[in-house]
Amino acid sequence: MLSTFVSAQNQCAYCADSHGFSFRVQGGSQEALEAVMACH
């Protein structure tokens, strides 16, 4: 979750995507992912 959020903050599409994928595989919800990716 942290890795995805920080990568979104830093506008790193590669890291936000790969760690967002890992977040989902680790049990993170789609709603939480969308919020983290949008920094909401």
Full PDB file with SEQRES, HELIX, SHEET, SSBOND, CRYST1, ORIGX, SCALE, CONECT and MASTER records, all heavy atoms in Angstrom:
SEQRES   1 A   40  MET LEU SER THR PHE VAL SER ALA GLN ASN GLN CYS ALA          
SEQRES   2 A   40  TYR CYS ALA ASP SER HIS GLY PHE SER PHE ARG VAL GLN          
SEQRES   3 A   40  GLY GLY SER GLN GLU ALA LEU GLU ALA VAL MET ALA CYS          
SEQRES   4 A   40  HIS                                                          
HELIX    1 AA1 LEU A    2  GLN A    9  1                                   8    
HELIX    2 AA2 ALA A   13  VAL A   25  1                                  13    
HELIX    3 AA3 GLN A   30  MET A   37  1                                   8    
CRYST1    1.000    1.000    1.000  90.00  90.00  90.00 P 1           1          
ORIGX1      1.000000  0.000000  0.000000        0.00000                         
ORIGX2      0.000000  1.000000  0.000000        0.00000                         
ORIGX3      0.000000  0.000000  1.000000        0.00000                         
SCALE1      1.000000  0.000000  0.000000        0.00000                         
SCALE2      0.000000  1.000000  0.000000        0.00000                         
SCALE3      0.000000  0.000000  1.000000        0.00000                         
ATOM      1  N   MET A   1       0.839  -1.203   0.000  1.00  0.00           N  
ATOM      2  CA  MET A   1       0.000   0.000   0.000  1.00  0.00           C  
ATOM      3  C   MET A   1       0.874   1.254   0.000  1.00  0.00           C  
ATOM      4  O   MET A   1       0.652   2.191  -0.791  1.00  0.00           O  
ATOM      5  CB  MET A   1      -0.930  -0.004   1.220  1.00  0.00           C  
ATOM      6  CG  MET A   1      -1.766   1.257   1.369  1.00  0.00           C  
ATOM      7  SD  MET A   1      -2.831   1.230   2.851  1.00  0.00           S  
ATOM      8  CE  MET A   1      -4.305   0.478   2.152  1.00  0.00           C  
ATOM      9  N   LEU A   2       1.880   1.264   0.862  1.00  0.00           N  
ATOM     10  CA  LEU A   2       2.809   2.395   0.918  1.00  0.00           C  
ATOM     11  C   LEU A   2       3.563   2.564  -0.391  1.00  0.00           C  
ATOM     12  O   LEU A   2       3.696   3.680  -0.918  1.00  0.00           O  
ATOM     13  CB  LEU A   2       3.810   2.198   2.058  1.00  0.00           C  
ATOM     14  CG  LEU A   2       3.363   2.544   3.468  1.00  0.00           C  
ATOM     15  CD1 LEU A   2       4.345   1.986   4.486  1.00  0.00           C  
ATOM     16  CD2 LEU A   2       3.239   4.069   3.634  1.00  0.00           C  
ATOM     17  N   SER A   3       4.064   1.449  -0.928  1.00  0.00           N  
ATOM     18  CA  SER A   3       4.854   1.500  -2.162  1.00  0.00           C  
ATOM     19  C   SER A   3       4.027   2.056  -3.317  1.00  0.00           C  
ATOM     20  O   SER A   3       4.515   2.869  -4.118  1.00  0.00           O  
ATOM     21  CB  SER A   3       5.362   0.101  -2.522  1.00  0.00           C  
ATOM     22  OG  SER A   3       6.135  -0.449  -1.475  1.00  0.00           O  
ATOM     23  N   THR A   4       2.780   1.627  -3.396  1.00  0.00           N  
ATOM     24  CA  THR A   4       1.895   2.098  -4.458  1.00  0.00           C  
ATOM     25  C   THR A   4       1.586   3.576  -4.285  1.00  0.00           C  
ATOM     26  O   THR A   4       1.629   4.355  -5.248  1.00  0.00           O  
ATOM     27  CB  THR A   4       0.587   1.284  -4.460  1.00  0.00           C  
ATOM     28  OG1 THR A   4       0.893  -0.103  -4.562  1.00  0.00           O  
ATOM     29  CG2 THR A   4      -0.310   1.698  -5.611  1.00  0.00           C  
ATOM     30  N   PHE A   5       1.290   3.970  -3.059  1.00  0.00           N  
ATOM     31  CA  PHE A   5       0.947   5.366  -2.782  1.00  0.00           C  
ATOM     32  C   PHE A   5       2.115   6.297  -3.085  1.00  0.00           C  
ATOM     33  O   PHE A   5       1.949   7.326  -3.762  1.00  0.00           O  
ATOM     34  CB  PHE A   5       0.536   5.499  -1.315  1.00  0.00           C  
ATOM     35  CG  PHE A   5       0.218   6.901  -0.893  1.00  0.00           C  
ATOM     36  CD1 PHE A   5      -0.956   7.514  -1.291  1.00  0.00           C  
ATOM     37  CD2 PHE A   5       1.098   7.617  -0.079  1.00  0.00           C  
ATOM     38  CE1 PHE A   5      -1.260   8.822  -0.896  1.00  0.00           C  
ATOM     39  CE2 PHE A   5       0.807   8.912   0.316  1.00  0.00           C  
ATOM     40  CZ  PHE A   5      -0.376   9.518  -0.094  1.00  0.00           C  
ATOM     41  N   VAL A   6       3.297   5.957  -2.602  1.00  0.00           N  
ATOM     42  CA  VAL A   6       4.472   6.800  -2.832  1.00  0.00           C  
ATOM     43  C   VAL A   6       4.783   6.873  -4.326  1.00  0.00           C  
ATOM     44  O   VAL A   6       5.111   7.939  -4.859  1.00  0.00           O  
ATOM     45  CB  VAL A   6       5.683   6.277  -2.036  1.00  0.00           C  
ATOM     46  CG1 VAL A   6       6.958   7.029  -2.417  1.00  0.00           C  
ATOM     47  CG2 VAL A   6       5.425   6.402  -0.540  1.00  0.00           C  
ATOM     48  N   SER A   7       4.651   5.745  -5.028  1.00  0.00           N  
ATOM     49  CA  SER A   7       4.913   5.725  -6.473  1.00  0.00           C  
ATOM     50  C   SER A   7       3.906   6.589  -7.225  1.00  0.00           C  
ATOM     51  O   SER A   7       4.257   7.264  -8.200  1.00  0.00           O  
ATOM     52  CB  SER A   7       4.885   4.289  -6.991  1.00  0.00           C  
ATOM     53  OG  SER A   7       5.901   3.510  -6.384  1.00  0.00           O  
ATOM     54  N   ALA A   8       2.645   6.578  -6.767  1.00  0.00           N  
ATOM     55  CA  ALA A   8       1.645   7.450  -7.382  1.00  0.00           C  
ATOM     56  C   ALA A   8       1.985   8.911  -7.115  1.00  0.00           C  
ATOM     57  O   ALA A   8       1.861   9.761  -8.008  1.00  0.00           O  
ATOM     58  CB  ALA A   8       0.255   7.112  -6.850  1.00  0.00           C  
ATOM     59  N   GLN A   9       2.422   9.207  -5.892  1.00  0.00           N  
ATOM     60  CA  GLN A   9       2.838  10.569  -5.559  1.00  0.00           C  
ATOM     61  C   GLN A   9       3.984  11.032  -6.458  1.00  0.00           C  
ATOM     62  O   GLN A   9       4.021  12.181  -6.893  1.00  0.00           O  
ATOM     63  CB  GLN A   9       3.301  10.620  -4.100  1.00  0.00           C  
ATOM     64  CG  GLN A   9       2.201  10.550  -3.071  1.00  0.00           C  
ATOM     65  CD  GLN A   9       1.682  11.923  -2.707  1.00  0.00           C  
ATOM     66  OE1 GLN A   9       2.423  12.755  -2.193  1.00  0.00           O  
ATOM     67  NE2 GLN A   9       0.420  12.169  -2.993  1.00  0.00           N  
ATOM     68  N   ASN A  10       4.898  10.111  -6.748  1.00  0.00           N  
ATOM     69  CA  ASN A  10       6.074  10.442  -7.557  1.00  0.00           C  
ATOM     70  C   ASN A  10       5.848  10.248  -9.053  1.00  0.00           C  
ATOM     71  O   ASN A  10       6.789  10.361  -9.838  1.00  0.00           O  
ATOM     72  CB  ASN A  10       7.269   9.586  -7.108  1.00  0.00           C  
ATOM     73  CG  ASN A  10       7.792  10.001  -5.752  1.00  0.00           C  
ATOM     74  OD1 ASN A  10       7.761  11.167  -5.392  1.00  0.00           O  
ATOM     75  ND2 ASN A  10       8.272   9.029  -4.982  1.00  0.00           N  
ATOM     76  N   GLN A  11       4.595   9.943  -9.431  1.00  0.00           N  
ATOM     77  CA  GLN A  11       4.205   9.779 -10.835  1.00  0.00           C  
ATOM     78  C   GLN A  11       5.075   8.738 -11.545  1.00  0.00           C  
ATOM     79  O   GLN A  11       5.565   8.967 -12.646  1.00  0.00           O  
ATOM     80  CB  GLN A  11       4.265  11.132 -11.563  1.00  0.00           C  
ATOM     81  CG  GLN A  11       3.334  12.171 -10.968  1.00  0.00           C  
ATOM     82  CD  GLN A  11       3.368  13.491 -11.717  1.00  0.00           C  
ATOM     83  OE1 GLN A  11       3.181  13.534 -12.929  1.00  0.00           O  
ATOM     84  NE2 GLN A  11       3.630  14.571 -11.001  1.00  0.00           N  
ATOM     85  N   CYS A  12       5.256   7.612 -10.880  1.00  0.00           N  
ATOM     86  CA  CYS A  12       6.013   6.503 -11.452  1.00  0.00           C  
ATOM     87  C   CYS A  12       5.025   5.412 -11.844  1.00  0.00           C  
ATOM     88  O   CYS A  12       4.602   4.604 -11.009  1.00  0.00           O  
ATOM     89  CB  CYS A  12       7.042   5.975 -10.459  1.00  0.00           C  
ATOM     90  SG  CYS A  12       8.005   4.592 -11.113  1.00  0.00           S  
ATOM     91  N   ALA A  13       4.652   5.376 -13.110  1.00  0.00           N  
ATOM     92  CA  ALA A  13       3.633   4.437 -13.581  1.00  0.00           C  
ATOM     93  C   ALA A  13       4.090   2.987 -13.423  1.00  0.00           C  
ATOM     94  O   ALA A  13       3.284   2.108 -13.079  1.00  0.00           O  
ATOM     95  CB  ALA A  13       3.291   4.735 -15.036  1.00  0.00           C  
ATOM     96  N   TYR A  14       5.360   2.716 -13.682  1.00  0.00           N  
ATOM     97  CA  TYR A  14       5.886   1.346 -13.584  1.00  0.00           C  
ATOM     98  C   TYR A  14       5.728   0.811 -12.160  1.00  0.00           C  
ATOM     99  O   TYR A  14       5.195  -0.282 -11.949  1.00  0.00           O  
ATOM    100  CB  TYR A  14       7.358   1.343 -14.004  1.00  0.00           C  
ATOM    101  CG  TYR A  14       8.073   0.015 -13.832  1.00  0.00           C  
ATOM    102  CD1 TYR A  14       8.200  -0.870 -14.889  1.00  0.00           C  
ATOM    103  CD2 TYR A  14       8.644  -0.338 -12.605  1.00  0.00           C  
ATOM    104  CE1 TYR A  14       8.863  -2.084 -14.734  1.00  0.00           C  
ATOM    105  CE2 TYR A  14       9.301  -1.553 -12.438  1.00  0.00           C  
ATOM    106  CZ  TYR A  14       9.403  -2.416 -13.508  1.00  0.00           C  
ATOM    107  OH  TYR A  14      10.059  -3.613 -13.337  1.00  0.00           O  
ATOM    108  N   CYS A  15       6.200   1.571 -11.169  1.00  0.00           N  
ATOM    109  CA  CYS A  15       6.162   1.100  -9.781  1.00  0.00           C  
ATOM    110  C   CYS A  15       4.742   1.104  -9.218  1.00  0.00           C  
ATOM    111  O   CYS A  15       4.369   0.196  -8.463  1.00  0.00           O  
ATOM    112  CB  CYS A  15       7.078   1.935  -8.898  1.00  0.00           C  
ATOM    113  SG  CYS A  15       8.840   1.718  -9.246  1.00  0.00           S  
ATOM    114  N   ALA A  16       3.954   2.119  -9.563  1.00  0.00           N  
ATOM    115  CA  ALA A  16       2.575   2.163  -9.061  1.00  0.00           C  
ATOM    116  C   ALA A  16       1.791   0.964  -9.572  1.00  0.00           C  
ATOM    117  O   ALA A  16       1.013   0.345  -8.829  1.00  0.00           O  
ATOM    118  CB  ALA A  16       1.908   3.468  -9.482  1.00  0.00           C  
ATOM    119  N   ASP A  17       2.001   0.597 -10.828  1.00  0.00           N  
ATOM    120  CA  ASP A  17       1.312  -0.558 -11.399  1.00  0.00           C  
ATOM    121  C   ASP A  17       1.788  -1.860 -10.757  1.00  0.00           C  
ATOM    122  O   ASP A  17       0.974  -2.679 -10.319  1.00  0.00           O  
ATOM    123  CB  ASP A  17       1.548  -0.604 -12.907  1.00  0.00           C  
ATOM    124  CG  ASP A  17       1.027  -1.878 -13.541  1.00  0.00           C  
ATOM    125  OD1 ASP A  17      -0.200  -2.010 -13.673  1.00  0.00           O  
ATOM    126  OD2 ASP A  17       1.846  -2.741 -13.909  1.00  0.00           O  
ATOM    127  N   SER A  18       3.100  -2.064 -10.679  1.00  0.00           N  
ATOM    128  CA  SER A  18       3.609  -3.350 -10.177  1.00  0.00           C  
ATOM    129  C   SER A  18       3.296  -3.542  -8.702  1.00  0.00           C  
ATOM    130  O   SER A  18       2.911  -4.642  -8.270  1.00  0.00           O  
ATOM    131  CB  SER A  18       5.114  -3.480 -10.432  1.00  0.00           C  
ATOM    132  OG  SER A  18       5.844  -2.487  -9.752  1.00  0.00           O  
ATOM    133  N   HIS A  19       3.379  -2.473  -7.917  1.00  0.00           N  
ATOM    134  CA  HIS A  19       3.094  -2.619  -6.488  1.00  0.00           C  
ATOM    135  C   HIS A  19       1.597  -2.538  -6.200  1.00  0.00           C  
ATOM    136  O   HIS A  19       1.136  -3.097  -5.198  1.00  0.00           O  
ATOM    137  CB  HIS A  19       3.925  -1.620  -5.678  1.00  0.00           C  
ATOM    138  CG  HIS A  19       5.369  -1.979  -5.697  1.00  0.00           C  
ATOM    139  ND1 HIS A  19       5.911  -2.920  -4.849  1.00  0.00           N  
ATOM    140  CD2 HIS A  19       6.378  -1.576  -6.514  1.00  0.00           C  
ATOM    141  CE1 HIS A  19       7.201  -3.073  -5.123  1.00  0.00           C  
ATOM    142  NE2 HIS A  19       7.501  -2.274  -6.130  1.00  0.00           N  
ATOM    143  N   GLY A  20       0.854  -1.880  -7.077  1.00  0.00           N  
ATOM    144  CA  GLY A  20      -0.601  -1.969  -6.980  1.00  0.00           C  
ATOM    145  C   GLY A  20      -1.064  -3.399  -7.224  1.00  0.00           C  
ATOM    146  O   GLY A  20      -1.957  -3.912  -6.533  1.00  0.00           O  
ATOM    147  N   PHE A  21      -0.451  -4.063  -8.193  1.00  0.00           N  
ATOM    148  CA  PHE A  21      -0.714  -5.485  -8.458  1.00  0.00           C  
ATOM    149  C   PHE A  21      -0.400  -6.313  -7.213  1.00  0.00           C  
ATOM    150  O   PHE A  21      -1.204  -7.154  -6.787  1.00  0.00           O  
ATOM    151  CB  PHE A  21       0.147  -5.914  -9.649  1.00  0.00           C  
ATOM    152  CG  PHE A  21       0.208  -7.395  -9.882  1.00  0.00           C  
ATOM    153  CD1 PHE A  21      -0.845  -8.070 -10.481  1.00  0.00           C  
ATOM    154  CD2 PHE A  21       1.330  -8.114  -9.526  1.00  0.00           C  
ATOM    155  CE1 PHE A  21      -0.783  -9.441 -10.709  1.00  0.00           C  
ATOM    156  CE2 PHE A  21       1.411  -9.482  -9.751  1.00  0.00           C  
ATOM    157  CZ  PHE A  21       0.351 -10.156 -10.345  1.00  0.00           C  
ATOM    158  N   SER A  22       0.761  -6.072  -6.619  1.00  0.00           N  
ATOM    159  CA  SER A  22       1.135  -6.823  -5.410  1.00  0.00           C  
ATOM    160  C   SER A  22       0.170  -6.547  -4.262  1.00  0.00           C  
ATOM    161  O   SER A  22      -0.178  -7.453  -3.496  1.00  0.00           O  
ATOM    162  CB  SER A  22       2.562  -6.471  -4.994  1.00  0.00           C  
ATOM    163  OG  SER A  22       3.501  -6.924  -5.945  1.00  0.00           O  
ATOM    164  N   PHE A  23      -0.273  -5.298  -4.131  1.00  0.00           N  
ATOM    165  CA  PHE A  23      -1.245  -4.941  -3.091  1.00  0.00           C  
ATOM    166  C   PHE A  23      -2.524  -5.756  -3.238  1.00  0.00           C  
ATOM    167  O   PHE A  23      -3.063  -6.281  -2.256  1.00  0.00           O  
ATOM    168  CB  PHE A  23      -1.539  -3.439  -3.157  1.00  0.00           C  
ATOM    169  CG  PHE A  23      -2.622  -2.973  -2.220  1.00  0.00           C  
ATOM    170  CD1 PHE A  23      -2.435  -3.012  -0.847  1.00  0.00           C  
ATOM    171  CD2 PHE A  23      -3.823  -2.490  -2.712  1.00  0.00           C  
ATOM    172  CE1 PHE A  23      -3.440  -2.582   0.018  1.00  0.00           C  
ATOM    173  CE2 PHE A  23      -4.817  -2.057  -1.859  1.00  0.00           C  
ATOM    174  CZ  PHE A  23      -4.624  -2.108  -0.489  1.00  0.00           C  
ATOM    175  N   ARG A  24      -2.992  -5.898  -4.475  1.00  0.00           N  
ATOM    176  CA  ARG A  24      -4.215  -6.672  -4.706  1.00  0.00           C  
ATOM    177  C   ARG A  24      -3.983  -8.148  -4.404  1.00  0.00           C  
ATOM    178  O   ARG A  24      -4.823  -8.802  -3.780  1.00  0.00           O  
ATOM    179  CB  ARG A  24      -4.690  -6.486  -6.152  1.00  0.00           C  
ATOM    180  CG  ARG A  24      -5.210  -5.091  -6.451  1.00  0.00           C  
ATOM    181  CD  ARG A  24      -6.569  -4.839  -5.809  1.00  0.00           C  
ATOM    182  NE  ARG A  24      -7.644  -5.417  -6.625  1.00  0.00           N  
ATOM    183  CZ  ARG A  24      -8.600  -6.220  -6.160  1.00  0.00           C  
ATOM    184  NH1 ARG A  24      -8.613  -6.581  -4.896  1.00  0.00           N  
ATOM    185  NH2 ARG A  24      -9.539  -6.678  -6.966  1.00  0.00           N  
ATOM    186  N   VAL A  25      -2.844  -8.678  -4.849  1.00  0.00           N  
ATOM    187  CA  VAL A  25      -2.539 -10.088  -4.586  1.00  0.00           C  
ATOM    188  C   VAL A  25      -2.427 -10.341  -3.085  1.00  0.00           C  
ATOM    189  O   VAL A  25      -2.810 -11.409  -2.596  1.00  0.00           O  
ATOM    190  CB  VAL A  25      -1.248 -10.515  -5.308  1.00  0.00           C  
ATOM    191  CG1 VAL A  25      -0.826 -11.928  -4.905  1.00  0.00           C  
ATOM    192  CG2 VAL A  25      -1.426 -10.442  -6.821  1.00  0.00           C  
ATOM    193  N   GLN A  26      -1.945  -9.347  -2.327  1.00  0.00           N  
ATOM    194  CA  GLN A  26      -1.804  -9.487  -0.887  1.00  0.00           C  
ATOM    195  C   GLN A  26      -3.110  -9.243  -0.132  1.00  0.00           C  
ATOM    196  O   GLN A  26      -3.120  -9.232   1.103  1.00  0.00           O  
ATOM    197  CB  GLN A  26      -0.726  -8.519  -0.377  1.00  0.00           C  
ATOM    198  CG  GLN A  26       0.682  -8.863  -0.814  1.00  0.00           C  
ATOM    199  CD  GLN A  26       1.190 -10.151  -0.226  1.00  0.00           C  
ATOM    200  OE1 GLN A  26       0.850 -10.501   0.906  1.00  0.00           O  
ATOM    201  NE2 GLN A  26       2.007 -10.879  -0.978  1.00  0.00           N  
ATOM    202  N   GLY A  27      -4.208  -9.057  -0.846  1.00  0.00           N  
ATOM    203  CA  GLY A  27      -5.509  -8.948  -0.188  1.00  0.00           C  
ATOM    204  C   GLY A  27      -6.093  -7.554  -0.119  1.00  0.00           C  
ATOM    205  O   GLY A  27      -7.166  -7.364   0.461  1.00  0.00           O  
ATOM    206  N   GLY A  28      -5.404  -6.568  -0.695  1.00  0.00           N  
ATOM    207  CA  GLY A  28      -5.957  -5.217  -0.717  1.00  0.00           C  
ATOM    208  C   GLY A  28      -7.184  -5.142  -1.618  1.00  0.00           C  
ATOM    209  O   GLY A  28      -7.231  -5.782  -2.672  1.00  0.00           O  
ATOM    210  N   SER A  29      -8.179  -4.361  -1.232  1.00  0.00           N  
ATOM    211  CA  SER A  29      -9.416  -4.272  -2.005  1.00  0.00           C  
ATOM    212  C   SER A  29      -9.238  -3.360  -3.219  1.00  0.00           C  
ATOM    213  O   SER A  29      -8.346  -2.496  -3.258  1.00  0.00           O  
ATOM    214  CB  SER A  29     -10.552  -3.728  -1.134  1.00  0.00           C  
ATOM    215  OG  SER A  29     -10.345  -2.353  -0.843  1.00  0.00           O  
ATOM    216  N   GLN A  30     -10.107  -3.541  -4.200  1.00  0.00           N  
ATOM    217  CA  GLN A  30     -10.090  -2.686  -5.383  1.00  0.00           C  
ATOM    218  C   GLN A  30     -10.379  -1.241  -4.988  1.00  0.00           C  
ATOM    219  O   GLN A  30      -9.769  -0.305  -5.525  1.00  0.00           O  
ATOM    220  CB  GLN A  30     -11.124  -3.166  -6.406  1.00  0.00           C  
ATOM    221  CG  GLN A  30     -11.216  -2.322  -7.671  1.00  0.00           C  
ATOM    222  CD  GLN A  30      -9.939  -2.331  -8.486  1.00  0.00           C  
ATOM    223  OE1 GLN A  30      -9.192  -3.305  -8.472  1.00  0.00           O  
ATOM    224  NE2 GLN A  30      -9.684  -1.233  -9.199  1.00  0.00           N  
ATOM    225  N   GLU A  31     -11.298  -1.044  -4.029  1.00  0.00           N  
ATOM    226  CA  GLU A  31     -11.637   0.315  -3.590  1.00  0.00           C  
ATOM    227  C   GLU A  31     -10.449   0.996  -2.922  1.00  0.00           C  
ATOM    228  O   GLU A  31     -10.176   2.177  -3.170  1.00  0.00           O  
ATOM    229  CB  GLU A  31     -12.830   0.268  -2.634  1.00  0.00           C  
ATOM    230  CG  GLU A  31     -14.137  -0.196  -3.255  1.00  0.00           C  
ATOM    231  CD  GLU A  31     -14.208  -1.708  -3.478  1.00  0.00           C  
ATOM    232  OE1 GLU A  31     -13.372  -2.446  -2.909  1.00  0.00           O  
ATOM    233  OE2 GLU A  31     -15.095  -2.146  -4.231  1.00  0.00           O  
ATOM    234  N   ALA A  32      -9.719   0.242  -2.088  1.00  0.00           N  
ATOM    235  CA  ALA A  32      -8.542   0.809  -1.432  1.00  0.00           C  
ATOM    236  C   ALA A  32      -7.466   1.123  -2.458  1.00  0.00           C  
ATOM    237  O   ALA A  32      -6.791   2.161  -2.379  1.00  0.00           O  
ATOM    238  CB  ALA A  32      -8.005  -0.153  -0.372  1.00  0.00           C  
ATOM    239  N   LEU A  33      -7.287   0.238  -3.433  1.00  0.00           N  
ATOM    240  CA  LEU A  33      -6.290   0.482  -4.475  1.00  0.00           C  
ATOM    241  C   LEU A  33      -6.606   1.756  -5.249  1.00  0.00           C  
ATOM    242  O   LEU A  33      -5.716   2.589  -5.487  1.00  0.00           O  
ATOM    243  CB  LEU A  33      -6.233  -0.699  -5.438  1.00  0.00           C  
ATOM    244  CG  LEU A  33      -5.329  -0.495  -6.658  1.00  0.00           C  
ATOM    245  CD1 LEU A  33      -3.872  -0.363  -6.228  1.00  0.00           C  
ATOM    246  CD2 LEU A  33      -5.487  -1.624  -7.657  1.00  0.00           C  
ATOM    247  N   GLU A  34      -7.867   1.916  -5.625  1.00  0.00           N  
ATOM    248  CA  GLU A  34      -8.248   3.116  -6.373  1.00  0.00           C  
ATOM    249  C   GLU A  34      -7.981   4.378  -5.562  1.00  0.00           C  
ATOM    250  O   GLU A  34      -7.499   5.384  -6.099  1.00  0.00           O  
ATOM    251  CB  GLU A  34      -9.720   3.029  -6.765  1.00  0.00           C  
ATOM    252  CG  GLU A  34     -10.001   1.975  -7.826  1.00  0.00           C  
ATOM    253  CD  GLU A  34     -11.483   1.772  -8.087  1.00  0.00           C  
ATOM    254  OE1 GLU A  34     -12.304   2.446  -7.404  1.00  0.00           O  
ATOM    255  OE2 GLU A  34     -11.825   0.946  -8.962  1.00  0.00           O  
ATOM    256  N   ALA A  35      -8.262   4.324  -4.263  1.00  0.00           N  
ATOM    257  CA  ALA A  35      -8.017   5.481  -3.405  1.00  0.00           C  
ATOM    258  C   ALA A  35      -6.525   5.776  -3.296  1.00  0.00           C  
ATOM    259  O   ALA A  35      -6.096   6.937  -3.374  1.00  0.00           O  
ATOM    260  CB  ALA A  35      -8.606   5.233  -2.019  1.00  0.00           C  
ATOM    261  N   VAL A  36      -5.720   4.727  -3.144  1.00  0.00           N  
ATOM    262  CA  VAL A  36      -4.275   4.897  -3.013  1.00  0.00           C  
ATOM    263  C   VAL A  36      -3.679   5.435  -4.316  1.00  0.00           C  
ATOM    264  O   VAL A  36      -2.851   6.350  -4.306  1.00  0.00           O  
ATOM    265  CB  VAL A  36      -3.622   3.550  -2.617  1.00  0.00           C  
ATOM    266  CG1 VAL A  36      -2.110   3.613  -2.774  1.00  0.00           C  
ATOM    267  CG2 VAL A  36      -3.979   3.200  -1.172  1.00  0.00           C  
ATOM    268  N   MET A  37      -4.106   4.874  -5.442  1.00  0.00           N  
ATOM    269  CA  MET A  37      -3.575   5.325  -6.737  1.00  0.00           C  
ATOM    270  C   MET A  37      -3.950   6.787  -7.017  1.00  0.00           C  
ATOM    271  O   MET A  37      -3.190   7.527  -7.646  1.00  0.00           O  
ATOM    272  CB  MET A  37      -4.107   4.425  -7.847  1.00  0.00           C  
ATOM    273  CG  MET A  37      -3.593   3.001  -7.802  1.00  0.00           C  
ATOM    274  SD  MET A  37      -1.907   2.815  -8.419  1.00  0.00           S  
ATOM    275  CE  MET A  37      -2.211   2.611 -10.166  1.00  0.00           C  
ATOM    276  N   ALA A  38      -5.132   7.183  -6.533  1.00  0.00           N  
ATOM    277  CA  ALA A  38      -5.570   8.565  -6.726  1.00  0.00           C  
ATOM    278  C   ALA A  38      -5.080   9.488  -5.605  1.00  0.00           C  
ATOM    279  O   ALA A  38      -5.343  10.690  -5.642  1.00  0.00           O  
ATOM    280  CB  ALA A  38      -7.102   8.619  -6.790  1.00  0.00           C  
ATOM    281  N   CYS A  39      -4.372   8.911  -4.615  1.00  0.00           N  
ATOM    282  CA  CYS A  39      -3.893   9.661  -3.438  1.00  0.00           C  
ATOM    283  C   CYS A  39      -5.063  10.332  -2.717  1.00  0.00           C  
ATOM    284  O   CYS A  39      -4.943  11.456  -2.219  1.00  0.00           O  
ATOM    285  CB  CYS A  39      -2.822  10.688  -3.832  1.00  0.00           C  
ATOM    286  SG  CYS A  39      -1.403   9.951  -4.666  1.00  0.00           S  
ATOM    287  N   HIS A  40      -6.183   9.612  -2.679  1.00  0.00           N  
ATOM    288  CA  HIS A  40      -7.420  10.111  -2.054  1.00  0.00           C  
ATOM    289  C   HIS A  40      -7.560   9.453  -0.680  1.00  0.00           C  
ATOM    290  O   HIS A  40      -8.194   8.403  -0.530  1.00  0.00           O  
ATOM    291  CB  HIS A  40      -8.621   9.802  -2.938  1.00  0.00           C  
ATOM    292  CG  HIS A  40      -9.932  10.207  -2.362  1.00  0.00           C  
ATOM    293  ND1 HIS A  40     -10.149  11.442  -1.754  1.00  0.00           N  
ATOM    294  CD2 HIS A  40     -11.116   9.539  -2.280  1.00  0.00           C  
ATOM    295  CE1 HIS A  40     -11.393  11.506  -1.338  1.00  0.00           C  
ATOM    296  NE2 HIS A  40     -12.004  10.366  -1.628  1.00  0.00           N  
TER     297      HIS A  40                                                      
MASTER        0    0    0    3    0    0    0    6  296    1    0    4          
END                                                                             
